[in-house]
C-alpha cells in the first residue's frame, strides 16, 4: 500500500540507504519531529545492500576514529532499543606488514589507538599465523591485531536505524522518486516527486555519490 505524501515537512531526506536512515534517526533523536525520508524503490535497494559492512575503529584522523567508535557503540545500543539485529560480529581485524616502513606505520597506529581506548596489539609473524592459519606469512614481518573490530550487516543496520527513527516520529515513504529540487530566490523550498510536491525548509541528499 502506497503512503500518501505530506504537503510539507521541515526536512526531506532523499535516499533510503544507511546514510539517509542514519540522518533520519539522529535528527529525530535531536528532537526534530517533522522528517520525511523518500526512497525511490525500497530501503537499502541502492549501494547499501552490497556494502561490505566492515567496522574498523581506527580512522585516518581523530574525528574519523571518534565517529567509528560512536558507530560501533550505536549499533549495540540500537539492538537493545529495537529488538532487531544489526548483524554485528566483533571478530577482530588483522593488518600485516611486509616491509619495515609499513611495520613502523602500524606501530604508530597502536600508539594512536591507546589515545582512544581502542585495544590494538602488535603481533609477530608466528602470532599472525596462529590468529589466521590460512595466511601465507612468507614475506610477512609483523602486524597489528584489533580484537574488537568486526563487521555488521548493512541491511540490518539500515532497518534498525529506520525502525528507531520511525518510533521517534520520522515518516518513511518508499517507491517515491524525487524528480526535481525546487528553488526560489536561491533558496530550497521543496521537492517535486512522482506523487506530488512537498514543501520543506531543508533537504538532505543521501542518494549516493553519483546523485
Foldseek 3Di string as FASTA:
>chain_A
DFDADDQAFAEEEEAQFQVSLLVLLVVLVVPGQRYEYEAQADHCPPPLQPDFQWQDQDDPDPVVNVVSVVVVVVQVVLCVVPVFHQQWDQAKDKDWDLDPVVLVVQVVSCVVCVVVVFDKDKFALVVVCVSPVVDDSPRTGTIMIGRRTTGTRRRRSSVSSNVSSVVSNHHYGYSKAFDDFDDDPNATQWTQIPNGIYGYRYYHYDHDPVD
